[in-house]
Amino acid sequence: MALSRKKAAALALDPVMNKALSRAAKDRGISRAEFVRQQLSLVLEQYMDHPKPRCAGLAKGPIPFPYGEEDTFKDLEA
């Protein structure tokens, strides 16, 4: 993502969250800002617009059953 397109946001964290954020970012080897971006991306995914699928599947018409319906339960008949 181009730096010029990013918008700055400020967060106010209590000391416990601030320490946890620093530790989590350090454990992953990334900056605090990148950690926040990654986590927000996961949470905000459900609110983003996605293109609607052009189809729901690959079949054009009914999918044939691999064997006749009469054979389905023949082993269960006594």
PDB file of N, CA and C in Angstrom:
ATOM      1  N   MET A   1       0.852  -1.165   0.000  1.00  0.00           N
ATOM      2  CA  MET A   1       0.000   0.000   0.000  1.00  0.00           C
ATOM      3  C   MET A   1       0.897   1.227   0.000  1.00  0.00           C
ATOM      4  N   ALA A   2       0.605   2.173  -0.847  1.00  0.00           N
ATOM      5  CA  ALA A   2       1.404   3.381  -0.952  1.00  0.00           C
ATOM      6  C   ALA A   2       1.260   4.230   0.302  1.00  0.00           C
ATOM      7  N   LEU A   3       2.370   4.751   0.766  1.00  0.00           N
ATOM      8  CA  LEU A   3       2.363   5.547   1.983  1.00  0.00           C
ATOM      9  C   LEU A   3       1.486   6.784   1.844  1.00  0.00           C
ATOM     10  N   SER A   4       1.440   7.383   0.658  1.00  0.00           N
ATOM     11  CA  SER A   4       0.671   8.607   0.468  1.00  0.00           C
ATOM     12  C   SER A   4      -0.833   8.379   0.608  1.00  0.00           C
ATOM     13  N   ARG A   5      -1.290   7.154   0.480  1.00  0.00           N
ATOM     14  CA  ARG A   5      -2.726   6.875   0.584  1.00  0.00           C
ATOM     15  C   ARG A   5      -3.164   6.540   1.998  1.00  0.00           C
ATOM     16  N   LYS A   6      -2.223   6.360   2.899  1.00  0.00           N
ATOM     17  CA  LYS A   6      -2.578   6.017   4.271  1.00  0.00           C
ATOM     18  C   LYS A   6      -2.986   7.260   5.032  1.00  0.00           C
ATOM     19  N   LYS A   7      -3.918   7.087   5.931  1.00  0.00           N
ATOM     20  CA  LYS A   7      -4.363   8.164   6.803  1.00  0.00           C
ATOM     21  C   LYS A   7      -3.926   7.849   8.214  1.00  0.00           C
ATOM     22  N   ALA A   8      -3.475   8.844   8.922  1.00  0.00           N
ATOM     23  CA  ALA A   8      -3.015   8.650  10.299  1.00  0.00           C
ATOM     24  C   ALA A   8      -4.207   8.536  11.238  1.00  0.00           C
ATOM     25  N   ALA A   9      -4.033   7.722  12.277  1.00  0.00           N
ATOM     26  CA  ALA A   9      -5.050   7.583  13.324  1.00  0.00           C
ATOM     27  C   ALA A   9      -4.320   7.517  14.656  1.00  0.00           C
ATOM     28  N   ALA A  10      -4.877   8.166  15.643  1.00  0.00           N
ATOM     29  CA  ALA A  10      -4.268   8.155  16.972  1.00  0.00           C
ATOM     30  C   ALA A  10      -5.075   7.254  17.895  1.00  0.00           C
ATOM     31  N   LEU A  11      -4.382   6.515  18.737  1.00  0.00           N
ATOM     32  CA  LEU A  11      -5.027   5.640  19.705  1.00  0.00           C
ATOM     33  C   LEU A  11      -4.560   6.012  21.101  1.00  0.00           C
ATOM     34  N   ALA A  12      -5.465   5.978  22.027  1.00  0.00           N
ATOM     35  CA  ALA A  12      -5.109   6.168  23.430  1.00  0.00           C
ATOM     36  C   ALA A  12      -5.218   4.807  24.113  1.00  0.00           C
ATOM     37  N   LEU A  13      -4.098   4.295  24.604  1.00  0.00           N
ATOM     38  CA  LEU A  13      -4.059   2.979  25.230  1.00  0.00           C
ATOM     39  C   LEU A  13      -3.706   3.110  26.702  1.00  0.00           C
ATOM     40  N   ASP A  14      -4.335   2.270  27.501  1.00  0.00           N
ATOM     41  CA  ASP A  14      -3.932   2.245  28.904  1.00  0.00           C
ATOM     42  C   ASP A  14      -2.583   1.524  28.987  1.00  0.00           C
ATOM     43  N   PRO A  15      -1.865   1.665  30.099  1.00  0.00           N
ATOM     44  CA  PRO A  15      -0.525   1.080  30.199  1.00  0.00           C
ATOM     45  C   PRO A  15      -0.467  -0.430  29.947  1.00  0.00           C
ATOM     46  N   VAL A  16      -1.468  -1.158  30.364  1.00  0.00           N
ATOM     47  CA  VAL A  16      -1.469  -2.614  30.167  1.00  0.00           C
ATOM     48  C   VAL A  16      -1.585  -2.948  28.679  1.00  0.00           C
ATOM     49  N   MET A  17      -2.509  -2.292  27.978  1.00  0.00           N
ATOM     50  CA  MET A  17      -2.664  -2.538  26.543  1.00  0.00           C
ATOM     51  C   MET A  17      -1.438  -2.071  25.777  1.00  0.00           C
ATOM     52  N   ASN A  18      -0.847  -0.968  26.185  1.00  0.00           N
ATOM     53  CA  ASN A  18       0.342  -0.446  25.531  1.00  0.00           C
ATOM     54  C   ASN A  18       1.483  -1.446  25.622  1.00  0.00           C
ATOM     55  N   LYS A  19       1.671  -2.025  26.798  1.00  0.00           N
ATOM     56  CA  LYS A  19       2.729  -3.017  26.995  1.00  0.00           C
ATOM     57  C   LYS A  19       2.450  -4.280  26.186  1.00  0.00           C
ATOM     58  N   ALA A  20       1.189  -4.706  26.188  1.00  0.00           N
ATOM     59  CA  ALA A  20       0.811  -5.905  25.430  1.00  0.00           C
ATOM     60  C   ALA A  20       1.011  -5.685  23.936  1.00  0.00           C
ATOM     61  N   LEU A  21       0.676  -4.501  23.447  1.00  0.00           N
ATOM     62  CA  LEU A  21       0.867  -4.180  22.033  1.00  0.00           C
ATOM     63  C   LEU A  21       2.346  -4.238  21.674  1.00  0.00           C
ATOM     64  N   SER A  22       3.184  -3.646  22.501  1.00  0.00           N
ATOM     65  CA  SER A  22       4.631  -3.669  22.244  1.00  0.00           C
ATOM     66  C   SER A  22       5.161  -5.095  22.227  1.00  0.00           C
ATOM     67  N   ARG A  23       4.704  -5.900  23.164  1.00  0.00           N
ATOM     68  CA  ARG A  23       5.180  -7.287  23.244  1.00  0.00           C
ATOM     69  C   ARG A  23       4.713  -8.100  22.038  1.00  0.00           C
ATOM     70  N   ALA A  24       3.453  -7.949  21.675  1.00  0.00           N
ATOM     71  CA  ALA A  24       2.909  -8.703  20.535  1.00  0.00           C
ATOM     72  C   ALA A  24       3.642  -8.344  19.250  1.00  0.00           C
ATOM     73  N   ALA A  25       3.874  -7.054  19.030  1.00  0.00           N
ATOM     74  CA  ALA A  25       4.577  -6.621  17.819  1.00  0.00           C
ATOM     75  C   ALA A  25       6.010  -7.142  17.825  1.00  0.00           C
ATOM     76  N   LYS A  26       6.675  -7.068  18.962  1.00  0.00           N
ATOM     77  CA  LYS A  26       8.055  -7.543  19.062  1.00  0.00           C
ATOM     78  C   LYS A  26       8.127  -9.045  18.812  1.00  0.00           C
ATOM     79  N   ASP A  27       7.185  -9.802  19.385  1.00  0.00           N
ATOM     80  CA  ASP A  27       7.159 -11.252  19.183  1.00  0.00           C
ATOM     81  C   ASP A  27       7.014 -11.623  17.711  1.00  0.00           C
ATOM     82  N   ARG A  28       6.298 -10.816  16.962  1.00  0.00           N
ATOM     83  CA  ARG A  28       6.102 -11.081  15.530  1.00  0.00           C
ATOM     84  C   ARG A  28       7.169 -10.456  14.657  1.00  0.00           C
ATOM     85  N   GLY A  29       8.008  -9.622  15.270  1.00  0.00           N
ATOM     86  CA  GLY A  29       9.083  -8.994  14.513  1.00  0.00           C
ATOM     87  C   GLY A  29       8.614  -7.884  13.597  1.00  0.00           C
ATOM     88  N   ILE A  30       7.542  -7.212  13.977  1.00  0.00           N
ATOM     89  CA  ILE A  30       7.008  -6.116  13.183  1.00  0.00           C
ATOM     90  C   ILE A  30       6.815  -4.895  14.068  1.00  0.00           C
ATOM     91  N   SER A  31       6.570  -3.759  13.441  1.00  0.00           N
ATOM     92  CA  SER A  31       6.349  -2.541  14.205  1.00  0.00           C
ATOM     93  C   SER A  31       4.973  -2.575  14.871  1.00  0.00           C
ATOM     94  N   ARG A  32       4.812  -1.745  15.866  1.00  0.00           N
ATOM     95  CA  ARG A  32       3.508  -1.630  16.539  1.00  0.00           C
ATOM     96  C   ARG A  32       2.436  -1.201  15.546  1.00  0.00           C
ATOM     97  N   ALA A  33       2.774  -0.248  14.679  1.00  0.00           N
ATOM     98  CA  ALA A  33       1.813   0.243  13.689  1.00  0.00           C
ATOM     99  C   ALA A  33       1.387  -0.877  12.744  1.00  0.00           C
ATOM    100  N   GLU A  34       2.359  -1.681  12.289  1.00  0.00           N
ATOM    101  CA  GLU A  34       2.021  -2.783  11.389  1.00  0.00           C
ATOM    102  C   GLU A  34       1.167  -3.830  12.094  1.00  0.00           C
ATOM    103  N   PHE A  35       1.461  -4.097  13.349  1.00  0.00           N
ATOM    104  CA  PHE A  35       0.657  -5.038  14.120  1.00  0.00           C
ATOM    105  C   PHE A  35      -0.793  -4.555  14.203  1.00  0.00           C
ATOM    106  N   VAL A  36      -0.969  -3.274  14.508  1.00  0.00           N
ATOM    107  CA  VAL A  36      -2.329  -2.717  14.605  1.00  0.00           C
ATOM    108  C   VAL A  36      -3.024  -2.809  13.256  1.00  0.00           C
ATOM    109  N   ARG A  37      -2.319  -2.480  12.164  1.00  0.00           N
ATOM    110  CA  ARG A  37      -2.926  -2.566  10.827  1.00  0.00           C
ATOM    111  C   ARG A  37      -3.369  -3.989  10.512  1.00  0.00           C
ATOM    112  N   GLN A  38      -2.509  -4.969  10.814  1.00  0.00           N
ATOM    113  CA  GLN A  38      -2.854  -6.368  10.530  1.00  0.00           C
ATOM    114  C   GLN A  38      -4.080  -6.813  11.325  1.00  0.00           C
ATOM    115  N   GLN A  39      -4.122  -6.477  12.597  1.00  0.00           N
ATOM    116  CA  GLN A  39      -5.241  -6.899  13.434  1.00  0.00           C
ATOM    117  C   GLN A  39      -6.531  -6.192  13.042  1.00  0.00           C
ATOM    118  N   LEU A  40      -6.445  -4.906  12.721  1.00  0.00           N
ATOM    119  CA  LEU A  40      -7.638  -4.188  12.261  1.00  0.00           C
ATOM    120  C   LEU A  40      -8.142  -4.761  10.939  1.00  0.00           C
ATOM    121  N   SER A  41      -7.226  -5.140  10.081  1.00  0.00           N
ATOM    122  CA  SER A  41      -7.613  -5.734   8.805  1.00  0.00           C
ATOM    123  C   SER A  41      -8.449  -7.000   9.024  1.00  0.00           C
ATOM    124  N   LEU A  42      -8.035  -7.826   9.981  1.00  0.00           N
ATOM    125  CA  LEU A  42      -8.786  -9.053  10.281  1.00  0.00           C
ATOM    126  C   LEU A  42     -10.184  -8.734  10.805  1.00  0.00           C
ATOM    127  N   VAL A  43     -10.269  -7.781  11.700  1.00  0.00           N
ATOM    128  CA  VAL A  43     -11.551  -7.440  12.320  1.00  0.00           C
ATOM    129  C   VAL A  43     -12.476  -6.731  11.335  1.00  0.00           C
ATOM    130  N   LEU A  44     -11.917  -5.838  10.522  1.00  0.00           N
ATOM    131  CA  LEU A  44     -12.746  -5.021   9.633  1.00  0.00           C
ATOM    132  C   LEU A  44     -13.103  -5.712   8.323  1.00  0.00           C
ATOM    133  N   GLU A  45     -12.557  -6.890   8.075  1.00  0.00           N
ATOM    134  CA  GLU A  45     -12.860  -7.632   6.843  1.00  0.00           C
ATOM    135  C   GLU A  45     -14.357  -7.816   6.642  1.00  0.00           C
ATOM    136  N   GLN A  46     -15.078  -8.053   7.726  1.00  0.00           N
ATOM    137  CA  GLN A  46     -16.522  -8.294   7.610  1.00  0.00           C
ATOM    138  C   GLN A  46     -17.297  -7.047   7.191  1.00  0.00           C
ATOM    139  N   TYR A  47     -16.703  -5.874   7.308  1.00  0.00           N
ATOM    140  CA  TYR A  47     -17.388  -4.637   6.965  1.00  0.00           C
ATOM    141  C   TYR A  47     -17.002  -4.114   5.584  1.00  0.00           C
ATOM    142  N   MET A  48     -16.069  -4.759   4.916  1.00  0.00           N
ATOM    143  CA  MET A  48     -15.611  -4.309   3.606  1.00  0.00           C
ATOM    144  C   MET A  48     -16.533  -4.834   2.517  1.00  0.00           C
ATOM    145  N   ASP A  49     -16.646  -4.066   1.460  1.00  0.00           N
ATOM    146  CA  ASP A  49     -17.453  -4.483   0.314  1.00  0.00           C
ATOM    147  C   ASP A  49     -16.681  -5.502  -0.507  1.00  0.00           C
ATOM    148  N   HIS A  50     -17.364  -6.566  -0.902  1.00  0.00           N
ATOM    149  CA  HIS A  50     -16.766  -7.609  -1.718  1.00  0.00           C
ATOM    150  C   HIS A  50     -17.645  -7.810  -2.944  1.00  0.00           C
ATOM    151  N   PRO A  51     -17.038  -8.083  -4.091  1.00  0.00           N
ATOM    152  CA  PRO A  51     -17.852  -8.333  -5.281  1.00  0.00           C
ATOM    153  C   PRO A  51     -18.693  -9.598  -5.102  1.00  0.00           C
ATOM    154  N   LYS A  52     -19.903  -9.545  -5.631  1.00  0.00           N
ATOM    155  CA  LYS A  52     -20.773 -10.718  -5.556  1.00  0.00           C
ATOM    156  C   LYS A  52     -20.281 -11.767  -6.542  1.00  0.00           C
ATOM    157  N   PRO A  53     -20.333 -13.040  -6.156  1.00  0.00           N
ATOM    158  CA  PRO A  53     -19.885 -14.083  -7.077  1.00  0.00           C
ATOM    159  C   PRO A  53     -20.779 -14.132  -8.319  1.00  0.00           C
ATOM    160  N   ARG A  54     -20.171 -14.458  -9.446  1.00  0.00           N
ATOM    161  CA  ARG A  54     -20.933 -14.536 -10.687  1.00  0.00           C
ATOM    162  C   ARG A  54     -21.727 -15.817 -10.782  1.00  0.00           C
ATOM    163  N   CYS A  55     -21.324 -16.826 -10.033  1.00  0.00           N
ATOM    164  CA  CYS A  55     -22.069 -18.074 -10.007  1.00  0.00           C
ATOM    165  C   CYS A  55     -21.875 -18.724  -8.645  1.00  0.00           C
ATOM    166  N   ALA A  56     -22.766 -19.631  -8.319  1.00  0.00           N
ATOM    167  CA  ALA A  56     -22.682 -20.305  -7.021  1.00  0.00           C
ATOM    168  C   ALA A  56     -21.984 -21.646  -7.131  1.00  0.00           C
ATOM    169  N   GLY A  57     -21.755 -22.107  -8.336  1.00  0.00           N
ATOM    170  CA  GLY A  57     -21.118 -23.404  -8.533  1.00  0.00           C
ATOM    171  C   GLY A  57     -20.722 -23.595  -9.979  1.00  0.00           C
ATOM    172  N   LEU A  58     -20.240 -24.768 -10.286  1.00  0.00           N
ATOM    173  CA  LEU A  58     -19.765 -25.039 -11.628  1.00  0.00           C
ATOM    174  C   LEU A  58     -20.754 -25.826 -12.474  1.00  0.00           C
ATOM    175  N   ALA A  59     -21.764 -26.423 -11.843  1.00  0.00           N
ATOM    176  CA  ALA A  59     -22.696 -27.296 -12.560  1.00  0.00           C
ATOM    177  C   ALA A  59     -23.781 -26.486 -13.258  1.00  0.00           C
ATOM    178  N   LYS A  60     -24.136 -26.929 -14.458  1.00  0.00           N
ATOM    179  CA  LYS A  60     -25.259 -26.341 -15.188  1.00  0.00           C
ATOM    180  C   LYS A  60     -26.352 -27.398 -15.246  1.00  0.00           C
ATOM    181  N   GLY A  61     -27.162 -27.454 -14.233  1.00  0.00           N
ATOM    182  CA  GLY A  61     -28.217 -28.455 -14.174  1.00  0.00           C
ATOM    183  C   GLY A  61     -27.992 -29.393 -13.013  1.00  0.00           C
ATOM    184  N   PRO A  62     -28.848 -30.401 -12.896  1.00  0.00           N
ATOM    185  CA  PRO A  62     -28.739 -31.322 -11.769  1.00  0.00           C
ATOM    186  C   PRO A  62     -27.450 -32.145 -11.839  1.00  0.00           C
ATOM    187  N   ILE A  63     -26.888 -32.406 -10.701  1.00  0.00           N
ATOM    188  CA  ILE A  63     -25.687 -33.222 -10.626  1.00  0.00           C
ATOM    189  C   ILE A  63     -26.123 -34.678 -10.478  1.00  0.00           C
ATOM    190  N   PRO A  64     -25.718 -35.560 -11.389  1.00  0.00           N
ATOM    191  CA  PRO A  64     -26.156 -36.956 -11.309  1.00  0.00           C
ATOM    192  C   PRO A  64     -25.542 -37.666 -10.105  1.00  0.00           C
ATOM    193  N   PHE A  65     -26.335 -38.490  -9.470  1.00  0.00           N
ATOM    194  CA  PHE A  65     -25.857 -39.300  -8.353  1.00  0.00           C
ATOM    195  C   PHE A  65     -24.988 -40.389  -8.942  1.00  0.00           C
ATOM    196  N   PRO A  66     -23.892 -40.779  -8.302  1.00  0.00           N
ATOM    197  CA  PRO A  66     -22.976 -41.736  -8.920  1.00  0.00           C
ATOM    198  C   PRO A  66     -23.570 -43.116  -9.163  1.00  0.00           C
ATOM    199  N   TYR A  67     -24.646 -43.479  -8.488  1.00  0.00           N
ATOM    200  CA  TYR A  67     -25.293 -44.766  -8.740  1.00  0.00           C
ATOM    201  C   TYR A  67     -26.775 -44.608  -8.493  1.00  0.00           C
ATOM    202  N   GLY A  68     -27.533 -45.549  -8.969  1.00  0.00           N
ATOM    203  CA  GLY A  68     -28.984 -45.453  -8.878  1.00  0.00           C
ATOM    204  C   GLY A  68     -29.486 -45.371  -7.443  1.00  0.00           C
ATOM    205  N   GLU A  69     -30.587 -44.691  -7.275  1.00  0.00           N
ATOM    206  CA  GLU A  69     -31.175 -44.519  -5.950  1.00  0.00           C
ATOM    207  C   GLU A  69     -31.553 -45.862  -5.326  1.00  0.00           C
ATOM    208  N   GLU A  70     -31.932 -46.808  -6.158  1.00  0.00           N
ATOM    209  CA  GLU A  70     -32.332 -48.114  -5.635  1.00  0.00           C
ATOM    210  C   GLU A  70     -31.149 -48.852  -5.007  1.00  0.00           C
ATOM    211  N   ASP A  71     -29.930 -48.525  -5.414  1.00  0.00           N
ATOM    212  CA  ASP A  71     -28.743 -49.166  -4.859  1.00  0.00           C
ATOM    213  C   ASP A  71     -28.248 -48.515  -3.554  1.00  0.00           C
ATOM    214  N   THR A  72     -28.768 -47.351  -3.240  1.00  0.00           N
ATOM    215  CA  THR A  72     -28.265 -46.595  -2.099  1.00  0.00           C
ATOM    216  C   THR A  72     -28.356 -47.361  -0.787  1.00  0.00           C
ATOM    217  N   PHE A  73     -29.492 -47.983  -0.526  1.00  0.00           N
ATOM    218  CA  PHE A  73     -29.703 -48.635   0.759  1.00  0.00           C
ATOM    219  C   PHE A  73     -29.826 -50.156   0.628  1.00  0.00           C
ATOM    220  N   LYS A  74     -29.364 -50.731  -0.469  1.00  0.00           N
ATOM    221  CA  LYS A  74     -29.565 -52.162  -0.671  1.00  0.00           C
ATOM    222  C   LYS A  74     -28.842 -53.007   0.381  1.00  0.00           C
ATOM    223  N   ASP A  75     -27.731 -52.520   0.924  1.00  0.00           N
ATOM    224  CA  ASP A  75     -27.009 -53.273   1.940  1.00  0.00           C
ATOM    225  C   ASP A  75     -27.755 -53.288   3.273  1.00  0.00           C
ATOM    226  N   LEU A  76     -28.674 -52.359   3.474  1.00  0.00           N
ATOM    227  CA  LEU A  76     -29.411 -52.277   4.729  1.00  0.00           C
ATOM    228  C   LEU A  76     -30.668 -53.138   4.749  1.00  0.00           C
ATOM    229  N   GLU A  77     -31.081 -53.592   3.574  1.00  0.00           N
ATOM    230  CA  GLU A  77     -32.305 -54.406   3.504  1.00  0.00           C
ATOM    231  C   GLU A  77     -32.046 -55.804   4.054  1.00  0.00           C
ATOM    232  N   ALA A  78     -32.976 -56.287   4.823  1.00  0.00           N
ATOM    233  CA  ALA A  78     -32.796 -57.628   5.413  1.00  0.00           C
ATOM    234  C   ALA A  78     -33.575 -58.663   4.656  1.00  0.00           C
TER     235      ALA A  78
END
